[in-house]
PDB file of N, CA and C in Angstrom:
ATOM      1  N   UNK A   1      71.834 103.591 137.580  1.00  0.00           N
ATOM      2  CA  UNK A   1      71.320 104.868 137.129  1.00  0.00           C
ATOM      3  C   UNK A   1      72.443 105.882 137.025  1.00  0.00           C
ATOM      4  N   UNK A   2      73.373 105.945 138.102  1.00  0.00           N
ATOM      5  CA  UNK A   2      74.545 106.636 138.168  1.00  0.00           C
ATOM      6  C   UNK A   2      75.364 106.412 136.816  1.00  0.00           C
ATOM      7  N   UNK A   3      75.704 104.961 136.764  1.00  0.00           N
ATOM      8  CA  UNK A   3      76.403 104.419 135.668  1.00  0.00           C
ATOM      9  C   UNK A   3      75.852 105.311 134.532  1.00  0.00           C
ATOM     10  N   UNK A   4      74.493 105.043 133.854  1.00  0.00           N
ATOM     11  CA  UNK A   4      73.927 105.264 132.835  1.00  0.00           C
ATOM     12  C   UNK A   4      74.519 106.918 132.658  1.00  0.00           C
ATOM     13  N   UNK A   5      74.264 107.758 133.835  1.00  0.00           N
ATOM     14  CA  UNK A   5      74.514 109.249 133.244  1.00  0.00           C
ATOM     15  C   UNK A   5      75.680 109.383 133.320  1.00  0.00           C
ATOM     16  N   UNK A   6      77.107 108.701 133.877  1.00  0.00           N
ATOM     17  CA  UNK A   6      77.827 109.171 133.767  1.00  0.00           C
ATOM     18  C   UNK A   6      78.306 108.251 132.105  1.00  0.00           C
ATOM     19  N   UNK A   7      78.069 107.617 131.731  1.00  0.00           N
ATOM     20  CA  UNK A   7      78.422 106.978 130.219  1.00  0.00           C
ATOM     21  C   UNK A   7      77.816 107.702 129.731  1.00  0.00           C
ATOM     22  N   UNK A   8      76.255 108.524 129.902  1.00  0.00           N
ATOM     23  CA  UNK A   8      76.169 109.414 128.691  1.00  0.00           C
ATOM     24  C   UNK A   8      76.972 110.368 128.502  1.00  0.00           C
ATOM     25  N   UNK A   9      77.059 110.982 129.937  1.00  0.00           N
ATOM     26  CA  UNK A   9      78.228 112.504 130.096  1.00  0.00           C
ATOM     27  C   UNK A   9      79.279 111.846 129.385  1.00  0.00           C
ATOM     28  N   UNK A  10      80.329 110.890 129.579  1.00  0.00           N
ATOM     29  CA  UNK A  10      80.944 110.380 128.739  1.00  0.00           C
ATOM     30  C   UNK A  10      81.052 110.491 127.160  1.00  0.00           C
ATOM     31  N   UNK A  11      80.059 109.478 126.670  1.00  0.00           N
ATOM     32  CA  UNK A  11      79.692 109.869 125.420  1.00  0.00           C
ATOM     33  C   UNK A  11      79.456 111.182 124.686  1.00  0.00           C
ATOM     34  N   UNK A  12      79.070 112.047 125.294  1.00  0.00           N
ATOM     35  CA  UNK A  12      78.499 113.636 125.006  1.00  0.00           C
ATOM     36  C   UNK A  12      80.040 114.167 125.001  1.00  0.00           C
ATOM     37  N   UNK A  13      80.846 113.918 125.894  1.00  0.00           N
ATOM     38  CA  UNK A  13      82.108 114.886 126.140  1.00  0.00           C
ATOM     39  C   UNK A  13      82.884 114.216 124.536  1.00  0.00           C
ATOM     40  N   UNK A  14      82.611 112.576 124.865  1.00  0.00           N
ATOM     41  CA  UNK A  14      83.733 112.235 123.459  1.00  0.00           C
ATOM     42  C   UNK A  14      83.089 113.181 122.216  1.00  0.00           C
ATOM     43  N   UNK A  15      81.609 113.117 122.055  1.00  0.00           N
ATOM     44  CA  UNK A  15      81.242 113.574 120.764  1.00  0.00           C
ATOM     45  C   UNK A  15      81.946 115.220 120.666  1.00  0.00           C
ATOM     46  N   UNK A  16      81.930 116.011 121.407  1.00  0.00           N
ATOM     47  CA  UNK A  16      82.173 117.355 121.704  1.00  0.00           C
ATOM     48  C   UNK A  16      83.784 117.922 121.357  1.00  0.00           C
ATOM     49  N   UNK A  17      84.741 116.743 121.969  1.00  0.00           N
ATOM     50  CA  UNK A  17      86.016 116.438 121.745  1.00  0.00           C
ATOM     51  C   UNK A  17      86.288 116.476 119.745  1.00  0.00           C
ATOM     52  N   UNK A  18      85.229 115.866 119.842  1.00  0.00           N
ATOM     53  CA  UNK A  18      85.657 114.945 118.022  1.00  0.00           C
ATOM     54  C   UNK A  18      84.768 115.958 117.534  1.00  0.00           C
ATOM     55  N   UNK A  19      83.967 116.827 117.565  1.00  0.00           N
ATOM     56  CA  UNK A  19      83.585 117.677 116.551  1.00  0.00           C
ATOM     57  C   UNK A  19      84.640 118.451 116.068  1.00  0.00           C
ATOM     58  N   UNK A  20      85.643 119.449 116.491  1.00  0.00           N
ATOM     59  CA  UNK A  20      86.271 120.284 115.929  1.00  0.00           C
ATOM     60  C   UNK A  20      86.739 119.278 114.786  1.00  0.00           C
ATOM     61  N   UNK A  21      87.702 117.875 115.040  1.00  0.00           N
ATOM     62  CA  UNK A  21      88.153 116.980 113.946  1.00  0.00           C
ATOM     63  C   UNK A  21      87.030 116.603 112.495  1.00  0.00           C
ATOM     64  N   UNK A  22      86.194 116.463 113.044  1.00  0.00           N
ATOM     65  CA  UNK A  22      84.730 116.403 111.846  1.00  0.00           C
ATOM     66  C   UNK A  22      84.422 117.440 111.427  1.00  0.00           C
ATOM     67  N   UNK A  23      84.644 118.600 111.913  1.00  0.00           N
ATOM     68  CA  UNK A  23      83.971 119.980 110.483  1.00  0.00           C
ATOM     69  C   UNK A  23      85.675 119.896 109.900  1.00  0.00           C
ATOM     70  N   UNK A  24      86.918 119.830 110.566  1.00  0.00           N
ATOM     71  CA  UNK A  24      88.192 120.074 109.487  1.00  0.00           C
ATOM     72  C   UNK A  24      87.856 119.419 108.634  1.00  0.00           C
ATOM     73  N   UNK A  25      87.396 117.988 108.715  1.00  0.00           N
ATOM     74  CA  UNK A  25      87.656 116.725 107.656  1.00  0.00           C
ATOM     75  C   UNK A  25      86.200 117.040 106.672  1.00  0.00           C
ATOM     76  N   UNK A  26      85.346 117.825 107.236  1.00  0.00           N
ATOM     77  CA  UNK A  26      84.203 118.078 106.429  1.00  0.00           C
ATOM     78  C   UNK A  26      84.520 119.051 105.208  1.00  0.00           C
ATOM     79  N   UNK A  27      85.157 120.221 105.895  1.00  0.00           N
ATOM     80  CA  UNK A  27      85.606 121.383 105.676  1.00  0.00           C
ATOM     81  C   UNK A  27      86.659 120.579 104.192  1.00  0.00           C
ATOM     82  N   UNK A  28      87.564 120.387 104.569  1.00  0.00           N
ATOM     83  CA  UNK A  28      88.450 119.380 103.303  1.00  0.00           C
ATOM     84  C   UNK A  28      87.641 118.829 102.526  1.00  0.00           C
ATOM     85  N   UNK A  29      86.815 118.285 102.834  1.00  0.00           N
ATOM     86  CA  UNK A  29      86.152 117.281 101.630  1.00  0.00           C
ATOM     87  C   UNK A  29      85.086 118.419 100.984  1.00  0.00           C
ATOM     88  N   UNK A  30      84.419 119.298 101.635  1.00  0.00           N
ATOM     89  CA  UNK A  30      84.050 120.208 100.764  1.00  0.00           C
ATOM     90  C   UNK A  30      84.811 121.002  99.525  1.00  0.00           C
ATOM     91  N   UNK A  31      86.002 121.404 100.125  1.00  0.00           N
ATOM     92  CA  UNK A  31      87.235 122.375  99.420  1.00  0.00           C
ATOM     93  C   UNK A  31      87.832 121.233  98.344  1.00  0.00           C
ATOM     94  N   UNK A  32      87.676 119.927  98.638  1.00  0.00           N
ATOM     95  CA  UNK A  32      88.281 119.348  97.454  1.00  0.00           C
ATOM     96  C   UNK A  32      87.151 118.800  96.620  1.00  0.00           C
ATOM     97  N   UNK A  33      85.691 119.084  96.656  1.00  0.00           N
ATOM     98  CA  UNK A  33      84.912 118.785  95.600  1.00  0.00           C
ATOM     99  C   UNK A  33      84.702 120.008  94.635  1.00  0.00           C
ATOM    100  N   UNK A  34      85.311 121.542  95.412  1.00  0.00           N
ATOM    101  CA  UNK A  34      85.754 122.479  94.487  1.00  0.00           C
ATOM    102  C   UNK A  34      86.878 122.362  93.709  1.00  0.00           C
ATOM    103  N   UNK A  35      88.155 122.003  94.097  1.00  0.00           N
ATOM    104  CA  UNK A  35      89.103 121.748  93.619  1.00  0.00           C
ATOM    105  C   UNK A  35      88.971 120.823  92.601  1.00  0.00           C
ATOM    106  N   UNK A  36      88.351 119.352  92.826  1.00  0.00           N
ATOM    107  CA  UNK A  36      88.113 118.611  91.643  1.00  0.00           C
ATOM    108  C   UNK A  36      87.455 118.846  90.392  1.00  0.00           C
ATOM    109  N   UNK A  37      86.472 120.075  90.832  1.00  0.00           N
ATOM    110  CA  UNK A  37      85.779 120.764  89.295  1.00  0.00           C
ATOM    111  C   UNK A  37      86.726 121.246  88.859  1.00  0.00           C
ATOM    112  N   UNK A  38      87.685 122.596  89.567  1.00  0.00           N
ATOM    113  CA  UNK A  38      88.519 123.233  89.061  1.00  0.00           C
ATOM    114  C   UNK A  38      89.546 122.377  88.250  1.00  0.00           C
ATOM    115  N   UNK A  39      89.885 121.308  88.478  1.00  0.00           N
ATOM    116  CA  UNK A  39      90.823 120.217  88.078  1.00  0.00           C
ATOM    117  C   UNK A  39      89.898 119.892  86.595  1.00  0.00           C
ATOM    118  N   UNK A  40      89.340 119.999  86.582  1.00  0.00           N
ATOM    119  CA  UNK A  40      88.289 119.771  85.575  1.00  0.00           C
ATOM    120  C   UNK A  40      88.430 121.028  84.055  1.00  0.00           C
ATOM    121  N   UNK A  41      88.173 121.869  84.795  1.00  0.00           N
ATOM    122  CA  UNK A  41      88.448 123.230  83.771  1.00  0.00           C
ATOM    123  C   UNK A  41      89.503 123.739  83.689  1.00  0.00           C
ATOM    124  N   UNK A  42      90.646 123.494  84.431  1.00  0.00           N
ATOM    125  CA  UNK A  42      91.854 123.916  84.315  1.00  0.00           C
ATOM    126  C   UNK A  42      92.452 123.841  83.374  1.00  0.00           C
ATOM    127  N   UNK A  43      92.838 124.617  82.431  1.00  0.00           N
ATOM    128  CA  UNK A  43      93.846 124.719  80.899  1.00  0.00           C
ATOM    129  C   UNK A  43      95.060 123.185  80.901  1.00  0.00           C
ATOM    130  N   UNK A  44      94.733 122.976  79.954  1.00  0.00           N
ATOM    131  CA  UNK A  44      95.979 121.985  80.126  1.00  0.00           C
ATOM    132  C   UNK A  44      96.910 122.199  79.343  1.00  0.00           C
ATOM    133  N   UNK A  45      98.447 122.884  79.075  1.00  0.00           N
ATOM    134  CA  UNK A  45      99.342 122.801  77.786  1.00  0.00           C
ATOM    135  C   UNK A  45     100.387 121.833  78.740  1.00  0.00           C
ATOM    136  N   UNK A  46     101.339 122.175  79.576  1.00  0.00           N
ATOM    137  CA  UNK A  46     102.196 121.149  80.066  1.00  0.00           C
ATOM    138  C   UNK A  46     101.665 120.197  81.135  1.00  0.00           C
ATOM    139  N   UNK A  47     100.427 120.683  81.333  1.00  0.00           N
ATOM    140  CA  UNK A  47     100.164 119.730  83.050  1.00  0.00           C
ATOM    141  C   UNK A  47     100.643 120.024  84.387  1.00  0.00           C
ATOM    142  N   UNK A  48     101.639 121.292  84.072  1.00  0.00           N
ATOM    143  CA  UNK A  48     102.556 122.071  85.329  1.00  0.00           C
ATOM    144  C   UNK A  48     101.479 122.661  86.046  1.00  0.00           C
ATOM    145  N   UNK A  49     100.384 123.350  85.645  1.00  0.00           N
ATOM    146  CA  UNK A  49      99.457 124.157  86.375  1.00  0.00           C
ATOM    147  C   UNK A  49      98.321 123.424  87.298  1.00  0.00           C
ATOM    148  N   UNK A  50      97.728 121.929  86.501  1.00  0.00           N
ATOM    149  CA  UNK A  50      96.927 121.324  87.225  1.00  0.00           C
ATOM    150  C   UNK A  50      97.844 120.280  88.242  1.00  0.00           C
ATOM    151  N   UNK A  51      99.003 119.981  88.360  1.00  0.00           N
ATOM    152  CA  UNK A  51      99.672 119.937  88.866  1.00  0.00           C
ATOM    153  C   UNK A  51     100.170 120.511  90.237  1.00  0.00           C
ATOM    154  N   UNK A  52     100.185 121.697  90.325  1.00  0.00           N
ATOM    155  CA  UNK A  52     100.372 122.454  91.149  1.00  0.00           C
ATOM    156  C   UNK A  52      99.520 123.014  92.120  1.00  0.00           C
ATOM    157  N   UNK A  53      98.488 122.433  91.666  1.00  0.00           N
ATOM    158  CA  UNK A  53      96.957 122.745  92.582  1.00  0.00           C
ATOM    159  C   UNK A  53      97.238 122.014  93.397  1.00  0.00           C
ATOM    160  N   UNK A  54      96.520 122.091  94.856  1.00  0.00           N
ATOM    161  CA  UNK A  54      96.435 121.678  96.242  1.00  0.00           C
ATOM    162  C   UNK A  54      95.003 122.290  97.029  1.00  0.00           C
ATOM    163  N   UNK A  55      94.676 121.540  97.910  1.00  0.00           N
ATOM    164  CA  UNK A  55      93.691 122.100  98.912  1.00  0.00           C
ATOM    165  C   UNK A  55      94.235 121.355 100.332  1.00  0.00           C
ATOM    166  N   UNK A  56      94.107 122.805 101.035  1.00  0.00           N
ATOM    167  CA  UNK A  56      94.979 123.212 102.475  1.00  0.00           C
ATOM    168  C   UNK A  56      93.695 123.132 103.522  1.00  0.00           C
ATOM    169  N   UNK A  57      93.525 123.036 104.441  1.00  0.00           N
ATOM    170  CA  UNK A  57      92.682 123.170 105.726  1.00  0.00           C
ATOM    171  C   UNK A  57      93.328 123.419 106.746  1.00  0.00           C
ATOM    172  N   UNK A  58      93.255 124.645 107.761  1.00  0.00           N
ATOM    173  CA  UNK A  58      94.085 125.593 108.445  1.00  0.00           C
ATOM    174  C   UNK A  58      93.628 125.756 109.299  1.00  0.00           C
ATOM    175  N   UNK A  59      93.931 125.597 111.112  1.00  0.00           N
ATOM    176  CA  UNK A  59      93.491 125.991 112.139  1.00  0.00           C
ATOM    177  C   UNK A  59      93.649 127.506 112.373  1.00  0.00           C
ATOM    178  N   UNK A  60      92.392 128.596 112.672  1.00  0.00           N
ATOM    179  CA  UNK A  60      92.668 129.657 112.776  1.00  0.00           C
ATOM    180  C   UNK A  60      92.613 130.224 114.409  1.00  0.00           C
ATOM    181  N   UNK A  61      92.448 131.190 114.740  1.00  0.00           N
ATOM    182  CA  UNK A  61      91.573 131.232 115.998  1.00  0.00           C
ATOM    183  C   UNK A  61      90.469 131.167 116.310  1.00  0.00           C
ATOM    184  N   UNK A  62      89.809 131.854 114.661  1.00  0.00           N
ATOM    185  CA  UNK A  62      88.304 131.586 114.476  1.00  0.00           C
ATOM    186  C   UNK A  62      87.571 130.439 114.371  1.00  0.00           C
ATOM    187  N   UNK A  63      88.477 129.226 113.949  1.00  0.00           N
ATOM    188  CA  UNK A  63      87.428 127.960 113.587  1.00  0.00           C
ATOM    189  C   UNK A  63      89.071 127.107 112.337  1.00  0.00           C
ATOM    190  N   UNK A  64      88.257 127.289 111.420  1.00  0.00           N
ATOM    191  CA  UNK A  64      89.421 126.697 110.407  1.00  0.00           C
ATOM    192  C   UNK A  64      89.761 127.058 109.045  1.00  0.00           C
ATOM    193  N   UNK A  65      90.319 127.399 108.194  1.00  0.00           N
ATOM    194  CA  UNK A  65      90.163 128.111 106.716  1.00  0.00           C
ATOM    195  C   UNK A  65      90.872 126.958 106.003  1.00  0.00           C
ATOM    196  N   UNK A  66      90.099 126.887 104.807  1.00  0.00           N
ATOM    197  CA  UNK A  66      90.503 126.347 103.217  1.00  0.00           C
ATOM    198  C   UNK A  66      90.457 126.940 102.408  1.00  0.00           C
ATOM    199  N   UNK A  67      91.989 126.443 101.836  1.00  0.00           N
ATOM    200  CA  UNK A  67      92.196 127.076 100.509  1.00  0.00           C
ATOM    201  C   UNK A  67      92.912 126.324  99.585  1.00  0.00           C
ATOM    202  N   UNK A  68      92.331 126.740  97.942  1.00  0.00           N
ATOM    203  CA  UNK A  68      92.596 125.721  97.040  1.00  0.00           C
ATOM    204  C   UNK A  68      93.688 126.650  96.725  1.00  0.00           C
ATOM    205  N   UNK A  69      94.939 126.094  96.037  1.00  0.00           N
ATOM    206  CA  UNK A  69      95.554 127.362  95.337  1.00  0.00           C
ATOM    207  C   UNK A  69      95.925 126.524  94.243  1.00  0.00           C
ATOM    208  N   UNK A  70      96.611 127.138  93.136  1.00  0.00           N
ATOM    209  CA  UNK A  70      97.417 126.789  92.142  1.00  0.00           C
ATOM    210  C   UNK A  70      98.674 127.720  92.158  1.00  0.00           C
ATOM    211  N   UNK A  71      99.841 127.015  92.073  1.00  0.00           N
ATOM    212  CA  UNK A  71     101.307 127.556  92.976  1.00  0.00           C
ATOM    213  C   UNK A  71     102.317 127.693  91.689  1.00  0.00           C
ATOM    214  N   UNK A  72     101.787 127.451  90.182  1.00  0.00           N
ATOM    215  CA  UNK A  72     102.672 128.100  89.379  1.00  0.00           C
ATOM    216  C   UNK A  72     102.620 129.579  88.977  1.00  0.00           C
ATOM    217  N   UNK A  73     103.742 129.918  88.701  1.00  0.00           N
ATOM    218  CA  UNK A  73     104.111 131.824  88.474  1.00  0.00           C
ATOM    219  C   UNK A  73     103.184 132.307  87.530  1.00  0.00           C
ATOM    220  N   UNK A  74     102.428 131.622  86.582  1.00  0.00           N
ATOM    221  CA  UNK A  74     101.469 132.016  85.543  1.00  0.00           C
ATOM    222  C   UNK A  74     100.310 131.575  85.911  1.00  0.00           C
ATOM    223  N   UNK A  75      99.670 131.194  87.175  1.00  0.00           N
ATOM    224  CA  UNK A  75      98.211 130.319  87.505  1.00  0.00           C
ATOM    225  C   UNK A  75      97.460 131.819  87.298  1.00  0.00           C
ATOM    226  N   UNK A  76      97.638 133.099  87.971  1.00  0.00           N
ATOM    227  CA  UNK A  76      96.927 134.233  88.123  1.00  0.00           C
ATOM    228  C   UNK A  76      96.901 134.263  86.375  1.00  0.00           C
ATOM    229  N   UNK A  77      97.500 134.300  85.626  1.00  0.00           N
ATOM    230  CA  UNK A  77      97.296 134.455  84.208  1.00  0.00           C
ATOM    231  C   UNK A  77      96.251 134.119  83.460  1.00  0.00           C
ATOM    232  N   UNK A  78      96.583 132.771  83.753  1.00  0.00           N
ATOM    233  CA  UNK A  78      95.378 131.804  82.935  1.00  0.00           C
ATOM    234  C   UNK A  78      94.261 131.986  83.590  1.00  0.00           C
ATOM    235  N   UNK A  79      94.073 131.945  85.223  1.00  0.00           N
ATOM    236  CA  UNK A  79      92.565 132.347  85.601  1.00  0.00           C
ATOM    237  C   UNK A  79      92.073 133.308  85.189  1.00  0.00           C
ATOM    238  N   UNK A  80      92.880 134.493  84.819  1.00  0.00           N
ATOM    239  CA  UNK A  80      91.881 135.606  84.706  1.00  0.00           C
ATOM    240  C   UNK A  80      91.986 136.656  83.561  1.00  0.00           C
ATOM    241  N   UNK A  81      92.610 135.611  82.465  1.00  0.00           N
ATOM    242  CA  UNK A  81      92.576 136.176  81.324  1.00  0.00           C
ATOM    243  C   UNK A  81      91.600 135.851  80.562  1.00  0.00           C
ATOM    244  N   UNK A  82      90.533 136.429  80.374  1.00  0.00           N
ATOM    245  CA  UNK A  82      89.376 136.182  79.962  1.00  0.00           C
ATOM    246  C   UNK A  82      89.449 136.146  78.001  1.00  0.00           C
ATOM    247  N   UNK A  83      90.229 136.488  77.324  1.00  0.00           N
ATOM    248  CA  UNK A  83      90.309 136.749  75.949  1.00  0.00           C
ATOM    249  C   UNK A  83      91.174 135.804  75.450  1.00  0.00           C
ATOM    250  N   UNK A  84      91.727 134.362  76.243  1.00  0.00           N
ATOM    251  CA  UNK A  84      92.913 133.628  75.930  1.00  0.00           C
ATOM    252  C   UNK A  84      91.538 132.250  75.259  1.00  0.00           C
ATOM    253  N   UNK A  85      91.609 131.855  74.508  1.00  0.00           N
ATOM    254  CA  UNK A  85      91.026 130.366  74.158  1.00  0.00           C
ATOM    255  C   UNK A  85      91.574 129.422  74.338  1.00  0.00           C
ATOM    256  N   UNK A  86      90.406 128.337  75.499  1.00  0.00           N
ATOM    257  CA  UNK A  86      91.230 127.147  75.700  1.00  0.00           C
ATOM    258  C   UNK A  86      90.306 126.267  74.844  1.00  0.00           C
ATOM    259  N   UNK A  87      90.563 125.021  74.936  1.00  0.00           N
ATOM    260  CA  UNK A  87      89.793 123.608  74.468  1.00  0.00           C
ATOM    261  C   UNK A  87      88.982 123.320  75.417  1.00  0.00           C
ATOM    262  N   UNK A  88      87.528 123.351  75.568  1.00  0.00           N
ATOM    263  CA  UNK A  88      86.604 122.820  75.965  1.00  0.00           C
ATOM    264  C   UNK A  88      86.939 121.566  76.856  1.00  0.00           C
ATOM    265  N   UNK A  89      86.271 120.711  78.058  1.00  0.00           N
ATOM    266  CA  UNK A  89      85.799 122.494  78.660  1.00  0.00           C
ATOM    267  C   UNK A  89      86.867 122.671  79.627  1.00  0.00           C
ATOM    268  N   UNK A  90      87.957 123.059  78.912  1.00  0.00           N
ATOM    269  CA  UNK A  90      89.267 123.729  80.154  1.00  0.00           C
ATOM    270  C   UNK A  90      88.712 125.498  80.008  1.00  0.00           C
ATOM    271  N   UNK A  91      88.563 126.512  81.081  1.00  0.00           N
ATOM    272  CA  UNK A  91      88.404 127.514  80.568  1.00  0.00           C
ATOM    273  C   UNK A  91      89.268 128.963  81.692  1.00  0.00           C
ATOM    274  N   UNK A  92      89.492 130.153  81.429  1.00  0.00           N
ATOM    275  CA  UNK A  92      89.650 131.116  82.617  1.00  0.00           C
ATOM    276  C   UNK A  92      88.596 130.679  83.526  1.00  0.00           C
ATOM    277  N   UNK A  93      89.070 131.231  84.680  1.00  0.00           N
ATOM    278  CA  UNK A  93      87.738 131.598  85.922  1.00  0.00           C
ATOM    279  C   UNK A  93      87.946 129.752  86.211  1.00  0.00           C
ATOM    280  N   UNK A  94      88.604 129.075  85.982  1.00  0.00           N
ATOM    281  CA  UNK A  94      89.000 127.513  86.345  1.00  0.00           C
ATOM    282  C   UNK A  94      88.569 127.219  88.139  1.00  0.00           C
ATOM    283  N   UNK A  95      89.040 128.087  88.493  1.00  0.00           N
ATOM    284  CA  UNK A  95      88.627 128.105  89.955  1.00  0.00           C
ATOM    285  C   UNK A  95      87.358 128.582  90.782  1.00  0.00           C
ATOM    286  N   UNK A  96      87.165 129.851  89.687  1.00  0.00           N
ATOM    287  CA  UNK A  96      86.384 130.481  90.480  1.00  0.00           C
ATOM    288  C   UNK A  96      85.167 130.529  90.151  1.00  0.00           C
ATOM    289  N   UNK A  97      84.903 129.218  88.836  1.00  0.00           N
ATOM    290  CA  UNK A  97      83.628 128.790  88.710  1.00  0.00           C
ATOM    291  C   UNK A  97      82.220 127.869  89.768  1.00  0.00           C
ATOM    292  N   UNK A  98      84.052 127.018  89.674  1.00  0.00           N
ATOM    293  CA  UNK A  98      82.862 125.851  90.920  1.00  0.00           C
ATOM    294  C   UNK A  98      83.105 126.699  91.893  1.00  0.00           C
ATOM    295  N   UNK A  99      83.985 127.498  92.475  1.00  0.00           N
ATOM    296  CA  UNK A  99      83.583 128.028  93.921  1.00  0.00           C
ATOM    297  C   UNK A  99      82.643 128.570  94.085  1.00  0.00           C
ATOM    298  N   UNK A 100      81.928 129.483  92.927  1.00  0.00           N
ATOM    299  CA  UNK A 100      80.725 130.328  92.933  1.00  0.00           C
ATOM    300  C   UNK A 100      79.675 129.369  92.625  1.00  0.00           C
ATOM    301  N   UNK A 101      79.805 128.537  92.186  1.00  0.00           N
ATOM    302  CA  UNK A 101      78.794 127.340  92.103  1.00  0.00           C
ATOM    303  C   UNK A 101      78.341 126.971  93.517  1.00  0.00           C
ATOM    304  N   UNK A 102      79.017 126.672  94.359  1.00  0.00           N
ATOM    305  CA  UNK A 102      79.328 125.751  95.596  1.00  0.00           C
ATOM    306  C   UNK A 102      78.777 126.366  96.482  1.00  0.00           C
ATOM    307  N   UNK A 103      79.283 127.525  96.497  1.00  0.00           N
ATOM    308  CA  UNK A 103      79.621 128.566  97.850  1.00  0.00           C
ATOM    309  C   UNK A 103      78.166 128.740  98.274  1.00  0.00           C
ATOM    310  N   UNK A 104      77.006 128.492  97.885  1.00  0.00           N
ATOM    311  CA  UNK A 104      75.649 128.866  98.617  1.00  0.00           C
ATOM    312  C   UNK A 104      75.202 127.681  99.369  1.00  0.00           C
ATOM    313  N   UNK A 105      76.030 126.321  98.792  1.00  0.00           N
ATOM    314  CA  UNK A 105      75.327 124.973 100.155  1.00  0.00           C
ATOM    315  C   UNK A 105      76.769 124.789 100.506  1.00  0.00           C
ATOM    316  N   UNK A 106      77.602 125.541 100.910  1.00  0.00           N
ATOM    317  CA  UNK A 106      78.913 125.063 101.322  1.00  0.00           C
ATOM    318  C   UNK A 106      78.574 124.911 102.691  1.00  0.00           C
ATOM    319  N   UNK A 107      77.916 126.219 103.765  1.00  0.00           N
ATOM    320  CA  UNK A 107      77.825 125.276 104.969  1.00  0.00           C
ATOM    321  C   UNK A 107      76.521 123.857 105.326  1.00  0.00           C
ATOM    322  N   UNK A 108      75.733 124.263 104.535  1.00  0.00           N
ATOM    323  CA  UNK A 108      74.622 123.047 104.353  1.00  0.00           C
ATOM    324  C   UNK A 108      75.583 121.493 104.626  1.00  0.00           C
ATOM    325  N   UNK A 109      76.207 121.772 103.506  1.00  0.00           N
ATOM    326  CA  UNK A 109      76.832 120.892 103.057  1.00  0.00           C
ATOM    327  C   UNK A 109      77.827 120.366 104.261  1.00  0.00           C
ATOM    328  N   UNK A 110      78.214 120.959 104.486  1.00  0.00           N
ATOM    329  CA  UNK A 110      79.500 121.136 105.857  1.00  0.00           C
ATOM    330  C   UNK A 110      78.743 120.538 107.322  1.00  0.00           C
ATOM    331  N   UNK A 111      77.765 120.748 107.618  1.00  0.00           N
ATOM    332  CA  UNK A 111      76.860 120.525 108.370  1.00  0.00           C
ATOM    333  C   UNK A 111      76.359 118.935 108.109  1.00  0.00           C
ATOM    334  N   UNK A 112      76.150 118.430 107.092  1.00  0.00           N
ATOM    335  CA  UNK A 112      75.215 117.285 106.820  1.00  0.00           C
ATOM    336  C   UNK A 112      76.461 116.492 106.708  1.00  0.00           C
ATOM    337  N   UNK A 113      77.749 116.996 106.447  1.00  0.00           N
ATOM    338  CA  UNK A 113      78.941 116.088 106.183  1.00  0.00           C
ATOM    339  C   UNK A 113      79.228 115.610 107.657  1.00  0.00           C
ATOM    340  N   UNK A 114      79.094 116.249 108.510  1.00  0.00           N
ATOM    341  CA  UNK A 114      79.731 116.241 110.168  1.00  0.00           C
ATOM    342  C   UNK A 114      77.889 115.612 110.566  1.00  0.00           C
ATOM    343  N   UNK A 115      77.167 115.458 110.194  1.00  0.00           N
ATOM    344  CA  UNK A 115      76.295 114.730 111.089  1.00  0.00           C
ATOM    345  C   UNK A 115      75.816 113.569 110.752  1.00  0.00           C
ATOM    346  N   UNK A 116      76.783 113.070 109.120  1.00  0.00           N
ATOM    347  CA  UNK A 116      76.593 111.796 108.813  1.00  0.00           C
ATOM    348  C   UNK A 116      77.922 111.147 109.721  1.00  0.00           C
ATOM    349  N   UNK A 117      78.772 111.688 109.689  1.00  0.00           N
ATOM    350  CA  UNK A 117      80.247 111.426 110.233  1.00  0.00           C
ATOM    351  C   UNK A 117      79.909 110.754 112.094  1.00  0.00           C
ATOM    352  N   UNK A 118      79.162 111.789 112.675  1.00  0.00           N
ATOM    353  CA  UNK A 118      78.721 111.464 113.673  1.00  0.00           C
ATOM    354  C   UNK A 118      77.931 110.623 113.943  1.00  0.00           C
ATOM    355  N   UNK A 119      76.822 110.067 113.135  1.00  0.00           N
ATOM    356  CA  UNK A 119      75.648 109.221 113.148  1.00  0.00           C
ATOM    357  C   UNK A 119      76.693 107.387 112.711  1.00  0.00           C
ATOM    358  N   UNK A 120      77.809 107.302 112.668  1.00  0.00           N
ATOM    359  CA  UNK A 120      78.587 106.091 112.565  1.00  0.00           C
ATOM    360  C   UNK A 120      78.886 105.502 113.643  1.00  0.00           C
TER     361      UNK A 120
END
């Protein structure tokens, strides 16, 4: 009986230790979903803007923080200027729109991803 209890405690301890890594991975996957949609909507001229995009997840004092960035010097202008024409399906607000669409479900999606990872 004691061995069963010790084994259970060991498994629970391992799960607790594993949770932060799973949350980080789930957050990265969720941010990547937004990023992938932004890549579809990102205007293309030389392809430099699209290639400059990336997803990062950093540990903070409060948990984790995801960022999706486009790092060309002109990214902000392409993203914000609603007066410029872009060949469909590309558009201005190519990052903001998919982020706004997915935001209401982000926490729920992360929870589901972590639950699936833990059940493996």
